[in-house]
PDB file of N, CA and C in Angstrom:
ATOM      1  N   MET A   1     -11.355   6.871   8.032  1.00  0.00           N
ATOM      2  CA  MET A   1     -10.271   6.391   7.206  1.00  0.00           C
ATOM      3  C   MET A   1     -10.813   5.360   6.141  1.00  0.00           C
ATOM      4  N   ARG A   2     -10.389   5.485   4.938  1.00  0.00           N
ATOM      5  CA  ARG A   2     -10.764   4.428   3.834  1.00  0.00           C
ATOM      6  C   ARG A   2      -9.653   3.608   3.557  1.00  0.00           C
ATOM      7  N   LEU A   3      -9.798   2.302   3.563  1.00  0.00           N
ATOM      8  CA  LEU A   3      -8.741   1.349   3.085  1.00  0.00           C
ATOM      9  C   LEU A   3      -8.880   1.063   1.650  1.00  0.00           C
ATOM     10  N   ILE A   4      -7.808   1.137   0.910  1.00  0.00           N
ATOM     11  CA  ILE A   4      -7.765   0.824  -0.503  1.00  0.00           C
ATOM     12  C   ILE A   4      -6.810  -0.294  -0.840  1.00  0.00           C
ATOM     13  N   LYS A   5      -7.086  -1.045  -1.816  1.00  0.00           N
ATOM     14  CA  LYS A   5      -6.146  -2.130  -2.241  1.00  0.00           C
ATOM     15  C   LYS A   5      -4.887  -1.517  -2.900  1.00  0.00           C
ATOM     16  N   LEU A   6      -3.868  -2.319  -2.719  1.00  0.00           N
ATOM     17  CA  LEU A   6      -2.569  -1.966  -3.366  1.00  0.00           C
ATOM     18  C   LEU A   6      -2.662  -1.777  -4.923  1.00  0.00           C
ATOM     19  N   LYS A   7      -3.588  -2.436  -5.707  1.00  0.00           N
ATOM     20  CA  LYS A   7      -3.886  -2.264  -6.969  1.00  0.00           C
ATOM     21  C   LYS A   7      -4.382  -0.803  -7.279  1.00  0.00           C
ATOM     22  N   GLU A   8      -5.237  -0.324  -6.496  1.00  0.00           N
ATOM     23  CA  GLU A   8      -5.894   1.008  -6.522  1.00  0.00           C
ATOM     24  C   GLU A   8      -4.811   2.060  -6.346  1.00  0.00           C
ATOM     25  N   VAL A   9      -3.916   1.842  -5.251  1.00  0.00           N
ATOM     26  CA  VAL A   9      -2.796   2.735  -5.046  1.00  0.00           C
ATOM     27  C   VAL A   9      -1.959   2.767  -6.176  1.00  0.00           C
ATOM     28  N   LEU A  10      -1.496   1.736  -6.853  1.00  0.00           N
ATOM     29  CA  LEU A  10      -0.717   1.726  -8.087  1.00  0.00           C
ATOM     30  C   LEU A  10      -1.325   2.469  -9.168  1.00  0.00           C
ATOM     31  N   HIS A  11      -2.661   2.300  -9.383  1.00  0.00           N
ATOM     32  CA  HIS A  11      -3.305   2.888 -10.495  1.00  0.00           C
ATOM     33  C   HIS A  11      -3.431   4.435 -10.170  1.00  0.00           C
ATOM     34  N   MET A  12      -3.889   4.751  -9.021  1.00  0.00           N
ATOM     35  CA  MET A  12      -3.921   6.184  -8.660  1.00  0.00           C
ATOM     36  C   MET A  12      -2.636   7.117  -8.724  1.00  0.00           C
ATOM     37  N   THR A  13      -1.623   6.425  -8.267  1.00  0.00           N
ATOM     38  CA  THR A  13      -0.234   7.166  -8.140  1.00  0.00           C
ATOM     39  C   THR A  13       0.597   7.068  -9.294  1.00  0.00           C
ATOM     40  N   GLY A  14       0.457   5.862 -10.114  1.00  0.00           N
ATOM     41  CA  GLY A  14       1.284   5.680 -11.202  1.00  0.00           C
ATOM     42  C   GLY A  14       2.754   5.120 -10.798  1.00  0.00           C
ATOM     43  N   LEU A  15       2.806   4.732  -9.446  1.00  0.00           N
ATOM     44  CA  LEU A  15       4.063   4.229  -8.898  1.00  0.00           C
ATOM     45  C   LEU A  15       4.144   2.751  -9.143  1.00  0.00           C
ATOM     46  N   SER A  16       5.279   2.218  -9.037  1.00  0.00           N
ATOM     47  CA  SER A  16       5.419   0.785  -9.011  1.00  0.00           C
ATOM     48  C   SER A  16       5.205   0.208  -7.706  1.00  0.00           C
ATOM     49  N   ARG A  17       5.012  -1.057  -7.514  1.00  0.00           N
ATOM     50  CA  ARG A  17       4.752  -1.710  -6.349  1.00  0.00           C
ATOM     51  C   ARG A  17       5.988  -1.571  -5.513  1.00  0.00           C
ATOM     52  N   ALA A  18       7.213  -1.829  -6.062  1.00  0.00           N
ATOM     53  CA  ALA A  18       8.433  -1.603  -5.173  1.00  0.00           C
ATOM     54  C   ALA A  18       8.569  -0.288  -4.611  1.00  0.00           C
ATOM     55  N   THR A  19       8.245   0.745  -5.420  1.00  0.00           N
ATOM     56  CA  THR A  19       8.392   2.076  -4.979  1.00  0.00           C
ATOM     57  C   THR A  19       7.350   2.312  -3.884  1.00  0.00           C
ATOM     58  N   VAL A  20       6.229   1.812  -3.898  1.00  0.00           N
ATOM     59  CA  VAL A  20       5.242   2.003  -2.797  1.00  0.00           C
ATOM     60  C   VAL A  20       5.720   1.363  -1.474  1.00  0.00           C
ATOM     61  N   TYR A  21       6.225   0.096  -1.601  1.00  0.00           N
ATOM     62  CA  TYR A  21       6.758  -0.534  -0.422  1.00  0.00           C
ATOM     63  C   TYR A  21       8.079   0.249   0.081  1.00  0.00           C
ATOM     64  N   ARG A  22       8.831   0.967  -0.767  1.00  0.00           N
ATOM     65  CA  ARG A  22       9.856   1.707  -0.321  1.00  0.00           C
ATOM     66  C   ARG A  22       9.389   2.783   0.385  1.00  0.00           C
ATOM     67  N   PHE A  23       8.395   3.467  -0.058  1.00  0.00           N
ATOM     68  CA  PHE A  23       7.821   4.626   0.625  1.00  0.00           C
ATOM     69  C   PHE A  23       7.226   4.277   2.059  1.00  0.00           C
ATOM     70  N   MET A  24       6.624   3.082   2.137  1.00  0.00           N
ATOM     71  CA  MET A  24       6.048   2.558   3.318  1.00  0.00           C
ATOM     72  C   MET A  24       7.029   2.403   4.394  1.00  0.00           C
ATOM     73  N   ALA A  25       8.213   1.772   3.999  1.00  0.00           N
ATOM     74  CA  ALA A  25       9.416   1.532   4.753  1.00  0.00           C
ATOM     75  C   ALA A  25      10.016   2.889   5.326  1.00  0.00           C
ATOM     76  N   ALA A  26      10.059   3.869   4.425  1.00  0.00           N
ATOM     77  CA  ALA A  26      10.660   5.179   4.858  1.00  0.00           C
ATOM     78  C   ALA A  26       9.627   6.047   5.579  1.00  0.00           C
ATOM     79  N   GLY A  27       8.351   5.635   5.692  1.00  0.00           N
ATOM     80  CA  GLY A  27       7.400   6.381   6.429  1.00  0.00           C
ATOM     81  C   GLY A  27       6.663   7.397   5.568  1.00  0.00           C
ATOM     82  N   GLY A  28       6.841   7.309   4.248  1.00  0.00           N
ATOM     83  CA  GLY A  28       6.205   8.218   3.356  1.00  0.00           C
ATOM     84  C   GLY A  28       4.766   7.941   3.018  1.00  0.00           C
ATOM     85  N   PHE A  29       4.482   6.657   3.203  1.00  0.00           N
ATOM     86  CA  PHE A  29       3.166   6.123   2.953  1.00  0.00           C
ATOM     87  C   PHE A  29       2.641   5.319   4.167  1.00  0.00           C
ATOM     88  N   PRO A  30       1.396   5.246   4.430  1.00  0.00           N
ATOM     89  CA  PRO A  30       0.874   4.469   5.634  1.00  0.00           C
ATOM     90  C   PRO A  30       1.198   3.059   5.401  1.00  0.00           C
ATOM     91  N   MET A  31       1.438   2.402   6.405  1.00  0.00           N
ATOM     92  CA  MET A  31       1.751   0.854   6.369  1.00  0.00           C
ATOM     93  C   MET A  31       0.587   0.112   5.872  1.00  0.00           C
ATOM     94  N   LYS A  32       0.734  -1.046   5.343  1.00  0.00           N
ATOM     95  CA  LYS A  32      -0.472  -1.878   4.806  1.00  0.00           C
ATOM     96  C   LYS A  32      -1.062  -2.411   6.144  1.00  0.00           C
ATOM     97  N   VAL A  33      -2.312  -2.707   5.960  1.00  0.00           N
ATOM     98  CA  VAL A  33      -3.130  -3.270   7.002  1.00  0.00           C
ATOM     99  C   VAL A  33      -3.558  -4.569   6.567  1.00  0.00           C
ATOM    100  N   GLU A  34      -3.355  -5.616   7.331  1.00  0.00           N
ATOM    101  CA  GLU A  34      -3.705  -7.070   7.023  1.00  0.00           C
ATOM    102  C   GLU A  34      -5.075  -7.238   7.378  1.00  0.00           C
ATOM    103  N   LEU A  35      -6.043  -7.721   6.512  1.00  0.00           N
ATOM    104  CA  LEU A  35      -7.364  -8.006   6.944  1.00  0.00           C
ATOM    105  C   LEU A  35      -7.730  -9.515   6.893  1.00  0.00           C
ATOM    106  N   GLY A  36      -8.408  -9.980   7.877  1.00  0.00           N
ATOM    107  CA  GLY A  36      -8.805 -11.438   7.815  1.00  0.00           C
ATOM    108  C   GLY A  36      -7.642 -12.285   8.472  1.00  0.00           C
ATOM    109  N   GLY A  37      -7.975 -13.558   8.611  1.00  0.00           N
ATOM    110  CA  GLY A  37      -7.138 -14.425   9.309  1.00  0.00           C
ATOM    111  C   GLY A  37      -5.941 -14.904   8.375  1.00  0.00           C
ATOM    112  N   GLY A  38      -6.158 -15.256   7.155  1.00  0.00           N
ATOM    113  CA  GLY A  38      -5.248 -15.719   6.173  1.00  0.00           C
ATOM    114  C   GLY A  38      -4.568 -16.962   6.443  1.00  0.00           C
ATOM    115  N   ASN A  39      -5.308 -17.820   7.193  1.00  0.00           N
ATOM    116  CA  ASN A  39      -4.671 -19.105   7.687  1.00  0.00           C
ATOM    117  C   ASN A  39      -4.914 -20.063   6.474  1.00  0.00           C
TER     118      ASN A  39
END
């Protein structure tokens, strides 16, 4: 499995950020994966 950044997804698909998140919520796109601690 290859992880790609949201910016890459937007560029590759031509979709808007909101549309990608809508697809994730509906199960049409894989959910995002949080990397690192982010504290």
